[in-house]
Amino acid sequence: MTLSEGGRDVRDGVGVVEGAGWATLAILTLAVVLLAVFRPVSAGQLYNQIRLAAGFDRYQAAMNEGDRLFALGRAELRLAGDDRERRLTVYRHFEESAASFAAARRMAEGFYEEQQAQNRMADAYLAWAHGLYTDGTGPWYRINHRPTLRRAREIVDEALALPSIEGGRRAHLEELGEEIDRAITPWPIL
């Protein structure tokens, strides 16, 4: 005597419809896990992540990701105000943006692409260092926070080490470096 369940023999194993259901469930679970790992904010970011993973136009995908993180950092910097935790998150966005541009620089196929990646890296470094400079300086009656200012100066130096950035960006970085140097020293620099 065979036991039957819903009109089929239990010994037959998994039916076709049930197998298709389990396969669909597995695919949807994988999709949810991938979405949780990549945490896309938009369909464009998901598209960039897929292009990066598949190896299609990795340079442009890295540039797009760097641009997205840079824009996100700039927008959140305006909203952060004096909230220290939020500003640290903003600085992580700038750091990740610079890392994406550095990856694009490594994948560049010519001078123009490499220069574009370096210019965008310099922009990310400039925004990051300027934010740290603002955090490190205070009213005239308070001592400036030197470790924060030193970190800002390190970031400016990293940006100035890029060989192919445009002259205007280089001038802005040098000016910010001089302001940071003045803020670090307790006496005027002549």
N, C-alpha and C. Protein backbone atom coordinates (compact mmCIF):
# COMPACT_ATOMS: atom_id res chain seq x y z
N MET A 1 0.85 -1.17 0.00
CA MET A 1 0.00 0.00 0.00
C MET A 1 0.90 1.24 0.00
N THR A 2 0.65 2.17 -0.87
CA THR A 2 1.42 3.40 -0.92
C THR A 2 0.63 4.54 -0.32
N LEU A 3 1.36 5.39 0.34
CA LEU A 3 0.72 6.57 0.91
C LEU A 3 0.65 7.63 -0.17
N SER A 4 -0.44 8.30 -0.27
CA SER A 4 -0.54 9.36 -1.27
C SER A 4 -0.88 10.66 -0.57
N GLU A 5 -0.39 11.70 -1.18
CA GLU A 5 -0.62 13.02 -0.62
C GLU A 5 -1.06 13.91 -1.77
N GLY A 6 -2.26 14.32 -1.74
CA GLY A 6 -2.76 15.20 -2.79
C GLY A 6 -2.76 14.56 -4.16
N GLY A 7 -2.94 13.28 -4.24
CA GLY A 7 -3.03 12.61 -5.53
C GLY A 7 -1.70 12.16 -6.10
N ARG A 8 -0.60 12.27 -5.36
CA ARG A 8 0.67 11.78 -5.89
C ARG A 8 1.30 10.86 -4.86
N ASP A 9 2.13 10.00 -5.34
CA ASP A 9 2.80 9.03 -4.49
C ASP A 9 3.93 9.73 -3.76
N VAL A 10 4.00 9.58 -2.45
CA VAL A 10 5.02 10.24 -1.64
C VAL A 10 6.41 9.75 -2.03
N ARG A 11 6.54 8.54 -2.49
CA ARG A 11 7.84 7.98 -2.86
C ARG A 11 8.38 8.59 -4.15
N ASP A 12 7.59 9.33 -4.92
CA ASP A 12 8.03 9.89 -6.19
C ASP A 12 9.01 11.05 -6.00
N GLY A 13 9.11 11.62 -4.84
CA GLY A 13 10.02 12.75 -4.60
C GLY A 13 9.32 14.07 -4.89
N VAL A 14 10.08 15.03 -5.34
CA VAL A 14 9.58 16.37 -5.58
C VAL A 14 8.94 16.43 -6.97
N GLY A 15 7.73 16.98 -7.04
CA GLY A 15 7.05 17.12 -8.32
C GLY A 15 7.62 18.28 -9.12
N VAL A 16 7.24 18.38 -10.37
CA VAL A 16 7.74 19.42 -11.27
C VAL A 16 7.33 20.80 -10.79
N VAL A 17 6.09 20.96 -10.44
CA VAL A 17 5.60 22.26 -9.99
C VAL A 17 6.27 22.66 -8.68
N GLU A 18 6.39 21.71 -7.78
CA GLU A 18 7.04 22.00 -6.50
C GLU A 18 8.51 22.33 -6.70
N GLY A 19 9.19 21.65 -7.60
CA GLY A 19 10.59 21.94 -7.90
C GLY A 19 10.76 23.33 -8.50
N ALA A 20 9.85 23.71 -9.38
CA ALA A 20 9.90 25.06 -9.96
C ALA A 20 9.67 26.10 -8.88
N GLY A 21 8.80 25.81 -7.95
CA GLY A 21 8.56 26.74 -6.84
C GLY A 21 9.79 26.91 -5.97
N TRP A 22 10.46 25.80 -5.65
CA TRP A 22 11.68 25.89 -4.84
C TRP A 22 12.79 26.63 -5.59
N ALA A 23 12.90 26.40 -6.89
CA ALA A 23 13.92 27.11 -7.69
C ALA A 23 13.64 28.61 -7.72
N THR A 24 12.38 28.98 -7.88
CA THR A 24 12.01 30.40 -7.86
C THR A 24 12.31 31.02 -6.51
N LEU A 25 12.02 30.32 -5.45
CA LEU A 25 12.31 30.81 -4.10
C LEU A 25 13.81 31.01 -3.91
N ALA A 26 14.61 30.07 -4.40
CA ALA A 26 16.07 30.20 -4.28
C ALA A 26 16.59 31.40 -5.05
N ILE A 27 16.08 31.63 -6.25
CA ILE A 27 16.51 32.77 -7.07
C ILE A 27 16.13 34.09 -6.40
N LEU A 28 14.91 34.17 -5.90
CA LEU A 28 14.48 35.39 -5.22
C LEU A 28 15.28 35.64 -3.94
N THR A 29 15.60 34.59 -3.22
CA THR A 29 16.43 34.73 -2.01
C THR A 29 17.81 35.25 -2.37
N LEU A 30 18.40 34.72 -3.43
CA LEU A 30 19.70 35.19 -3.89
C LEU A 30 19.64 36.66 -4.29
N ALA A 31 18.57 37.05 -4.97
CA ALA A 31 18.41 38.45 -5.38
C ALA A 31 18.31 39.36 -4.16
N VAL A 32 17.59 38.96 -3.14
CA VAL A 32 17.46 39.76 -1.91
C VAL A 32 18.81 39.88 -1.21
N VAL A 33 19.56 38.78 -1.15
CA VAL A 33 20.88 38.82 -0.52
C VAL A 33 21.81 39.75 -1.29
N LEU A 34 21.80 39.68 -2.60
CA LEU A 34 22.64 40.57 -3.40
C LEU A 34 22.24 42.03 -3.22
N LEU A 35 20.96 42.31 -3.17
CA LEU A 35 20.51 43.67 -2.93
C LEU A 35 20.93 44.16 -1.54
N ALA A 36 20.90 43.27 -0.56
CA ALA A 36 21.33 43.65 0.78
C ALA A 36 22.82 43.94 0.83
N VAL A 37 23.61 43.19 0.07
CA VAL A 37 25.05 43.40 0.06
C VAL A 37 25.41 44.69 -0.66
N PHE A 38 24.82 44.91 -1.84
CA PHE A 38 25.16 46.09 -2.63
C PHE A 38 24.45 47.34 -2.12
N ARG A 39 23.33 47.20 -1.47
CA ARG A 39 22.53 48.29 -0.96
C ARG A 39 22.36 49.43 -1.95
N PRO A 40 21.78 49.16 -3.10
CA PRO A 40 21.64 50.23 -4.08
C PRO A 40 20.64 51.27 -3.62
N VAL A 41 20.96 52.51 -3.92
CA VAL A 41 20.06 53.60 -3.60
C VAL A 41 19.11 53.83 -4.77
N SER A 42 19.59 53.55 -5.96
CA SER A 42 18.78 53.78 -7.15
C SER A 42 19.01 52.65 -8.15
N ALA A 43 18.20 52.67 -9.18
CA ALA A 43 18.38 51.68 -10.24
C ALA A 43 19.71 51.91 -10.96
N GLY A 44 20.13 53.17 -11.06
CA GLY A 44 21.41 53.48 -11.70
C GLY A 44 22.58 52.88 -10.95
N GLN A 45 22.52 52.94 -9.60
CA GLN A 45 23.61 52.34 -8.82
C GLN A 45 23.62 50.83 -8.98
N LEU A 46 22.45 50.22 -9.01
CA LEU A 46 22.37 48.78 -9.22
C LEU A 46 22.96 48.42 -10.59
N TYR A 47 22.64 49.23 -11.59
CA TYR A 47 23.18 49.02 -12.94
C TYR A 47 24.70 49.14 -12.94
N ASN A 48 25.24 50.14 -12.23
CA ASN A 48 26.70 50.30 -12.14
C ASN A 48 27.35 49.11 -11.45
N GLN A 49 26.74 48.61 -10.39
CA GLN A 49 27.29 47.47 -9.68
C GLN A 49 27.31 46.23 -10.58
N ILE A 50 26.26 46.05 -11.36
CA ILE A 50 26.20 44.91 -12.27
C ILE A 50 27.27 45.05 -13.35
N ARG A 51 27.44 46.27 -13.89
CA ARG A 51 28.47 46.49 -14.91
C ARG A 51 29.86 46.25 -14.35
N LEU A 52 30.10 46.69 -13.11
CA LEU A 52 31.40 46.46 -12.49
C LEU A 52 31.65 44.97 -12.30
N ALA A 53 30.64 44.27 -11.81
CA ALA A 53 30.81 42.85 -11.54
C ALA A 53 31.00 42.06 -12.84
N ALA A 54 30.32 42.47 -13.90
CA ALA A 54 30.41 41.75 -15.16
C ALA A 54 31.66 42.13 -15.96
N GLY A 55 32.29 43.23 -15.60
CA GLY A 55 33.51 43.63 -16.30
C GLY A 55 33.26 44.50 -17.52
N PHE A 56 32.03 44.98 -17.71
CA PHE A 56 31.73 45.84 -18.86
C PHE A 56 32.03 47.28 -18.49
N ASP A 57 32.89 47.90 -19.24
CA ASP A 57 33.21 49.32 -19.08
C ASP A 57 33.47 49.65 -17.62
N ARG A 58 34.41 48.95 -17.05
CA ARG A 58 34.72 49.11 -15.62
C ARG A 58 35.17 50.53 -15.30
N TYR A 59 35.86 51.18 -16.22
CA TYR A 59 36.31 52.55 -15.98
C TYR A 59 35.11 53.47 -15.75
N GLN A 60 34.15 53.43 -16.68
CA GLN A 60 33.00 54.33 -16.56
C GLN A 60 32.14 53.99 -15.35
N ALA A 61 32.00 52.72 -15.04
CA ALA A 61 31.22 52.32 -13.87
C ALA A 61 31.89 52.83 -12.59
N ALA A 62 33.22 52.75 -12.51
CA ALA A 62 33.93 53.26 -11.33
C ALA A 62 33.81 54.78 -11.24
N MET A 63 33.88 55.46 -12.39
CA MET A 63 33.71 56.92 -12.39
C MET A 63 32.30 57.30 -11.93
N ASN A 64 31.30 56.57 -12.42
CA ASN A 64 29.92 56.85 -12.02
C ASN A 64 29.72 56.64 -10.52
N GLU A 65 30.31 55.57 -10.00
CA GLU A 65 30.20 55.29 -8.57
C GLU A 65 30.91 56.38 -7.75
N GLY A 66 32.08 56.81 -8.21
CA GLY A 66 32.79 57.89 -7.53
C GLY A 66 32.00 59.18 -7.56
N ASP A 67 31.39 59.49 -8.72
CA ASP A 67 30.56 60.70 -8.82
C ASP A 67 29.36 60.63 -7.88
N ARG A 68 28.74 59.45 -7.81
CA ARG A 68 27.57 59.29 -6.93
C ARG A 68 27.96 59.51 -5.48
N LEU A 69 29.07 58.90 -5.05
CA LEU A 69 29.51 59.05 -3.67
C LEU A 69 29.93 60.49 -3.36
N PHE A 70 30.59 61.14 -4.33
CA PHE A 70 31.00 62.53 -4.14
C PHE A 70 29.79 63.44 -3.99
N ALA A 71 28.79 63.27 -4.87
CA ALA A 71 27.58 64.08 -4.79
C ALA A 71 26.83 63.81 -3.48
N LEU A 72 26.79 62.56 -3.07
CA LEU A 72 26.14 62.21 -1.80
C LEU A 72 26.87 62.86 -0.63
N GLY A 73 28.20 62.83 -0.66
CA GLY A 73 28.97 63.47 0.41
C GLY A 73 28.75 64.97 0.46
N ARG A 74 28.74 65.62 -0.70
CA ARG A 74 28.52 67.08 -0.74
C ARG A 74 27.14 67.44 -0.21
N ALA A 75 26.12 66.66 -0.61
CA ALA A 75 24.76 66.94 -0.16
C ALA A 75 24.63 66.73 1.35
N GLU A 76 25.20 65.65 1.85
CA GLU A 76 25.08 65.37 3.28
C GLU A 76 25.93 66.34 4.11
N LEU A 77 27.01 66.85 3.55
CA LEU A 77 27.84 67.82 4.26
C LEU A 77 27.06 69.09 4.54
N ARG A 78 26.24 69.49 3.58
CA ARG A 78 25.39 70.68 3.78
C ARG A 78 24.37 70.46 4.89
N LEU A 79 23.89 69.23 5.01
CA LEU A 79 22.85 68.93 6.00
C LEU A 79 23.41 68.55 7.36
N ALA A 80 24.69 68.21 7.42
CA ALA A 80 25.27 67.66 8.65
C ALA A 80 25.34 68.69 9.78
N GLY A 81 25.62 69.93 9.45
CA GLY A 81 25.74 70.94 10.50
C GLY A 81 26.86 70.59 11.46
N ASP A 82 26.55 70.59 12.75
CA ASP A 82 27.55 70.29 13.78
C ASP A 82 27.49 68.85 14.27
N ASP A 83 26.69 68.02 13.65
CA ASP A 83 26.55 66.62 14.05
C ASP A 83 27.82 65.85 13.66
N ARG A 84 28.62 65.52 14.67
CA ARG A 84 29.92 64.90 14.43
C ARG A 84 29.80 63.53 13.75
N GLU A 85 28.88 62.71 14.19
CA GLU A 85 28.71 61.37 13.61
C GLU A 85 28.32 61.46 12.13
N ARG A 86 27.46 62.39 11.84
CA ARG A 86 27.02 62.55 10.44
C ARG A 86 28.18 63.06 9.58
N ARG A 87 29.00 63.94 10.13
CA ARG A 87 30.15 64.45 9.37
C ARG A 87 31.17 63.33 9.12
N LEU A 88 31.34 62.42 10.07
CA LEU A 88 32.24 61.29 9.86
C LEU A 88 31.74 60.40 8.72
N THR A 89 30.43 60.23 8.65
CA THR A 89 29.85 59.46 7.54
C THR A 89 30.11 60.16 6.21
N VAL A 90 30.01 61.50 6.22
CA VAL A 90 30.28 62.27 5.01
C VAL A 90 31.73 62.07 4.57
N TYR A 91 32.65 62.07 5.53
CA TYR A 91 34.06 61.89 5.19
C TYR A 91 34.34 60.50 4.64
N ARG A 92 33.60 59.50 5.13
CA ARG A 92 33.72 58.16 4.56
C ARG A 92 33.25 58.15 3.10
N HIS A 93 32.20 58.92 2.80
CA HIS A 93 31.74 59.02 1.41
C HIS A 93 32.84 59.62 0.53
N PHE A 94 33.49 60.67 1.02
CA PHE A 94 34.57 61.28 0.24
C PHE A 94 35.73 60.30 0.06
N GLU A 95 36.04 59.55 1.11
CA GLU A 95 37.13 58.57 1.02
C GLU A 95 36.79 57.47 0.01
N GLU A 96 35.56 56.96 0.06
CA GLU A 96 35.13 55.93 -0.88
C GLU A 96 35.06 56.48 -2.31
N SER A 97 34.68 57.75 -2.43
CA SER A 97 34.65 58.39 -3.74
C SER A 97 36.06 58.46 -4.34
N ALA A 98 37.02 58.89 -3.53
CA ALA A 98 38.41 58.96 -4.00
C ALA A 98 38.92 57.56 -4.36
N ALA A 99 38.52 56.55 -3.59
CA ALA A 99 38.94 55.18 -3.90
C ALA A 99 38.34 54.71 -5.23
N SER A 100 37.09 55.08 -5.50
CA SER A 100 36.48 54.71 -6.79
C SER A 100 37.19 55.40 -7.94
N PHE A 101 37.55 56.67 -7.76
CA PHE A 101 38.28 57.37 -8.81
C PHE A 101 39.68 56.79 -8.99
N ALA A 102 40.29 56.35 -7.90
CA ALA A 102 41.61 55.71 -8.01
C ALA A 102 41.50 54.40 -8.79
N ALA A 103 40.42 53.65 -8.55
CA ALA A 103 40.20 52.41 -9.31
C ALA A 103 39.99 52.73 -10.79
N ALA A 104 39.24 53.79 -11.06
CA ALA A 104 39.03 54.20 -12.46
C ALA A 104 40.35 54.61 -13.09
N ARG A 105 41.19 55.27 -12.32
CA ARG A 105 42.50 55.70 -12.83
C ARG A 105 43.34 54.49 -13.24
N ARG A 106 43.29 53.42 -12.44
CA ARG A 106 44.04 52.21 -12.77
C ARG A 106 43.50 51.54 -14.03
N MET A 107 42.19 51.71 -14.31
CA MET A 107 41.58 51.08 -15.46
C MET A 107 41.58 51.97 -16.70
N ALA A 108 42.07 53.19 -16.56
CA ALA A 108 42.05 54.14 -17.68
C ALA A 108 42.86 53.60 -18.85
N GLU A 109 42.35 53.86 -20.04
CA GLU A 109 43.01 53.37 -21.24
C GLU A 109 43.83 54.43 -21.96
N GLY A 110 43.78 55.65 -21.49
CA GLY A 110 44.54 56.71 -22.14
C GLY A 110 44.75 57.87 -21.18
N PHE A 111 45.50 58.86 -21.65
CA PHE A 111 45.84 60.01 -20.81
C PHE A 111 44.60 60.78 -20.40
N TYR A 112 43.66 60.99 -21.34
CA TYR A 112 42.47 61.77 -21.03
C TYR A 112 41.66 61.12 -19.92
N GLU A 113 41.42 59.82 -20.01
CA GLU A 113 40.66 59.13 -18.97
C GLU A 113 41.39 59.19 -17.63
N GLU A 114 42.70 59.01 -17.65
CA GLU A 114 43.47 59.08 -16.40
C GLU A 114 43.42 60.47 -15.80
N GLN A 115 43.51 61.51 -16.64
CA GLN A 115 43.45 62.87 -16.13
C GLN A 115 42.08 63.18 -15.54
N GLN A 116 41.02 62.70 -16.18
CA GLN A 116 39.68 62.92 -15.64
C GLN A 116 39.53 62.25 -14.27
N ALA A 117 40.03 61.06 -14.14
CA ALA A 117 39.98 60.37 -12.84
C ALA A 117 40.78 61.12 -11.79
N GLN A 118 41.96 61.62 -12.17
CA GLN A 118 42.79 62.37 -11.21
C GLN A 118 42.11 63.68 -10.81
N ASN A 119 41.49 64.37 -11.76
CA ASN A 119 40.80 65.61 -11.43
C ASN A 119 39.65 65.38 -10.46
N ARG A 120 38.93 64.31 -10.69
CA ARG A 120 37.82 64.01 -9.78
C ARG A 120 38.33 63.56 -8.41
N MET A 121 39.45 62.83 -8.39
CA MET A 121 40.07 62.48 -7.11
C MET A 121 40.45 63.75 -6.37
N ALA A 122 41.04 64.71 -7.08
CA ALA A 122 41.45 65.96 -6.46
C ALA A 122 40.24 66.70 -5.90
N ASP A 123 39.11 66.68 -6.62
CA ASP A 123 37.89 67.32 -6.11
C ASP A 123 37.42 66.66 -4.82
N ALA A 124 37.46 65.32 -4.80
CA ALA A 124 37.04 64.60 -3.59
C ALA A 124 37.97 64.91 -2.42
N TYR A 125 39.29 64.91 -2.69
CA TYR A 125 40.25 65.25 -1.65
C TYR A 125 40.06 66.67 -1.16
N LEU A 126 39.78 67.60 -2.07
CA LEU A 126 39.61 69.00 -1.69
C LEU A 126 38.39 69.17 -0.79
N ALA A 127 37.27 68.57 -1.16
CA ALA A 127 36.07 68.68 -0.33
C ALA A 127 36.28 68.03 1.04
N TRP A 128 36.94 66.88 1.05
CA TRP A 128 37.22 66.16 2.30
C TRP A 128 38.13 66.99 3.19
N ALA A 129 39.23 67.51 2.64
CA ALA A 129 40.17 68.30 3.43
C ALA A 129 39.54 69.60 3.90
N HIS A 130 38.72 70.22 3.07
CA HIS A 130 38.08 71.47 3.48
C HIS A 130 37.11 71.23 4.64
N GLY A 131 36.38 70.12 4.58
CA GLY A 131 35.49 69.77 5.70
C GLY A 131 36.27 69.55 6.99
N LEU A 132 37.39 68.83 6.90
CA LEU A 132 38.22 68.61 8.09
C LEU A 132 38.82 69.92 8.59
N TYR A 133 39.21 70.80 7.66
CA TYR A 133 39.74 72.11 8.05
C TYR A 133 38.68 72.90 8.82
N THR A 134 37.45 72.86 8.34
CA THR A 134 36.36 73.54 9.03
C THR A 134 36.13 72.94 10.42
N ASP A 135 36.19 71.61 10.52
CA ASP A 135 36.03 70.95 11.82
C ASP A 135 37.17 71.27 12.77
N GLY A 136 38.38 71.39 12.24
CA GLY A 136 39.57 71.59 13.07
C GLY A 136 39.77 73.00 13.57
N THR A 137 39.16 73.96 12.88
CA THR A 137 39.31 75.36 13.31
C THR A 137 38.05 75.79 14.04
N GLY A 138 38.21 76.71 14.91
CA GLY A 138 37.08 77.21 15.68
C GLY A 138 37.16 78.71 15.83
N PRO A 139 36.42 79.24 16.77
CA PRO A 139 36.49 80.67 17.03
C PRO A 139 37.90 81.08 17.47
N TRP A 140 38.20 82.35 17.38
CA TRP A 140 39.55 82.84 17.65
C TRP A 140 40.00 82.56 19.08
N TYR A 141 39.05 82.42 20.00
CA TYR A 141 39.41 82.23 21.40
C TYR A 141 39.62 80.76 21.77
N ARG A 142 39.41 79.83 20.83
CA ARG A 142 39.66 78.41 21.08
C ARG A 142 40.88 77.95 20.33
N ILE A 143 41.57 76.98 20.92
CA ILE A 143 42.72 76.38 20.26
C ILE A 143 42.21 75.46 19.16
N ASN A 144 42.86 75.52 18.00
CA ASN A 144 42.48 74.65 16.90
C ASN A 144 42.85 73.20 17.21
N HIS A 145 42.07 72.29 16.67
CA HIS A 145 42.30 70.86 16.90
C HIS A 145 43.36 70.38 15.91
N ARG A 146 44.59 70.29 16.37
CA ARG A 146 45.72 70.01 15.48
C ARG A 146 45.68 68.63 14.82
N PRO A 147 45.27 67.55 15.50
CA PRO A 147 45.24 66.26 14.79
C PRO A 147 44.30 66.28 13.58
N THR A 148 43.16 66.95 13.71
CA THR A 148 42.23 67.04 12.58
C THR A 148 42.86 67.86 11.46
N LEU A 149 43.54 68.94 11.83
CA LEU A 149 44.19 69.77 10.82
C LEU A 149 45.34 69.03 10.14
N ARG A 150 46.07 68.23 10.90
CA ARG A 150 47.16 67.45 10.29
C ARG A 150 46.61 66.43 9.31
N ARG A 151 45.49 65.82 9.66
CA ARG A 151 44.87 64.86 8.73
C ARG A 151 44.41 65.59 7.46
N ALA A 152 43.87 66.79 7.62
CA ALA A 152 43.46 67.57 6.45
C ALA A 152 44.67 67.89 5.58
N ARG A 153 45.79 68.21 6.22
CA ARG A 153 47.00 68.52 5.46
C ARG A 153 47.52 67.28 4.72
N GLU A 154 47.43 66.10 5.36
CA GLU A 154 47.83 64.86 4.69
C GLU A 154 46.99 64.62 3.43
N ILE A 155 45.71 64.88 3.53
CA ILE A 155 44.81 64.68 2.39
C ILE A 155 45.16 65.65 1.27
N VAL A 156 45.45 66.91 1.63
CA VAL A 156 45.86 67.89 0.63
C VAL A 156 47.15 67.44 -0.05
N ASP A 157 48.09 66.93 0.75
CA ASP A 157 49.36 66.46 0.17
C ASP A 157 49.15 65.28 -0.77
N GLU A 158 48.22 64.37 -0.42
CA GLU A 158 47.90 63.25 -1.31
C GLU A 158 47.36 63.77 -2.64
N ALA A 159 46.51 64.78 -2.56
CA ALA A 159 45.94 65.35 -3.79
C ALA A 159 47.01 66.06 -4.61
N LEU A 160 47.89 66.79 -3.95
CA LEU A 160 48.94 67.50 -4.67
C LEU A 160 49.95 66.54 -5.30
N ALA A 161 50.01 65.31 -4.82
CA ALA A 161 50.93 64.31 -5.38
C ALA A 161 50.42 63.75 -6.71
N LEU A 162 49.14 64.00 -7.03
CA LEU A 162 48.61 63.53 -8.31
C LEU A 162 49.28 64.32 -9.43
N PRO A 163 49.86 63.65 -10.41
CA PRO A 163 50.69 64.35 -11.40
C PRO A 163 49.93 65.15 -12.46
N SER A 164 48.70 64.77 -12.78
CA SER A 164 48.05 65.37 -13.95
C SER A 164 46.80 66.17 -13.63
N ILE A 165 46.70 66.75 -12.43
CA ILE A 165 45.51 67.55 -12.15
C ILE A 165 45.66 68.93 -12.78
N GLU A 166 44.53 69.53 -13.10
CA GLU A 166 44.53 70.82 -13.77
C GLU A 166 45.01 71.92 -12.82
N GLY A 167 45.49 73.01 -13.41
CA GLY A 167 46.11 74.09 -12.66
C GLY A 167 45.19 74.75 -11.64
N GLY A 168 43.92 74.97 -11.99
CA GLY A 168 42.98 75.60 -11.05
C GLY A 168 42.76 74.76 -9.81
N ARG A 169 42.63 73.46 -9.99
CA ARG A 169 42.47 72.57 -8.84
C ARG A 169 43.73 72.57 -7.98
N ARG A 170 44.88 72.54 -8.64
CA ARG A 170 46.14 72.55 -7.91
C ARG A 170 46.27 73.85 -7.09
N ALA A 171 45.87 74.97 -7.67
CA ALA A 171 45.95 76.26 -6.96
C ALA A 171 45.03 76.26 -5.74
N HIS A 172 43.81 75.71 -5.89
CA HIS A 172 42.89 75.65 -4.75
C HIS A 172 43.45 74.77 -3.64
N LEU A 173 44.06 73.65 -4.03
CA LEU A 173 44.65 72.76 -3.04
C LEU A 173 45.83 73.43 -2.33
N GLU A 174 46.65 74.14 -3.07
CA GLU A 174 47.79 74.83 -2.45
C GLU A 174 47.32 75.92 -1.49
N GLU A 175 46.27 76.67 -1.87
CA GLU A 175 45.71 77.69 -0.98
C GLU A 175 45.17 77.07 0.30
N LEU A 176 44.44 75.97 0.16
CA LEU A 176 43.90 75.29 1.34
C LEU A 176 45.04 74.77 2.21
N GLY A 177 46.09 74.25 1.59
CA GLY A 177 47.25 73.78 2.35
C GLY A 177 47.89 74.90 3.16
N GLU A 178 47.99 76.08 2.56
CA GLU A 178 48.55 77.22 3.29
C GLU A 178 47.65 77.64 4.45
N GLU A 179 46.34 77.63 4.25
CA GLU A 179 45.41 77.96 5.33
C GLU A 179 45.53 76.95 6.47
N ILE A 180 45.65 75.69 6.12
CA ILE A 180 45.80 74.65 7.14
C ILE A 180 47.11 74.84 7.90
N ASP A 181 48.19 75.14 7.19
CA ASP A 181 49.48 75.37 7.85
C ASP A 181 49.38 76.53 8.83
N ARG A 182 48.70 77.61 8.43
CA ARG A 182 48.53 78.76 9.33
C ARG A 182 47.71 78.38 10.56
N ALA A 183 46.71 77.52 10.36
CA ALA A 183 45.86 77.13 11.49
C ALA A 183 46.59 76.18 12.45
N ILE A 184 47.55 75.40 11.94
CA ILE A 184 48.27 74.46 12.79
C ILE A 184 49.28 75.17 13.67
N THR A 185 49.97 76.15 13.13
CA THR A 185 51.04 76.82 13.89
C THR A 185 50.45 77.89 14.80
N PRO A 186 50.98 78.03 16.00
CA PRO A 186 50.44 79.03 16.93
C PRO A 186 50.93 80.44 16.64
N TRP A 187 51.87 80.60 15.73
CA TRP A 187 52.36 81.94 15.39
C TRP A 187 52.20 82.14 13.89
N PRO A 188 52.17 83.36 13.46
CA PRO A 188 51.98 83.61 12.02
C PRO A 188 53.15 83.10 11.19
N ILE A 189 52.83 82.54 10.04
CA ILE A 189 53.85 82.10 9.11
C ILE A 189 54.19 83.27 8.22
N LEU A 190 55.47 83.56 8.10
CA LEU A 190 55.87 84.70 7.28
C LEU A 190 56.08 84.31 5.85
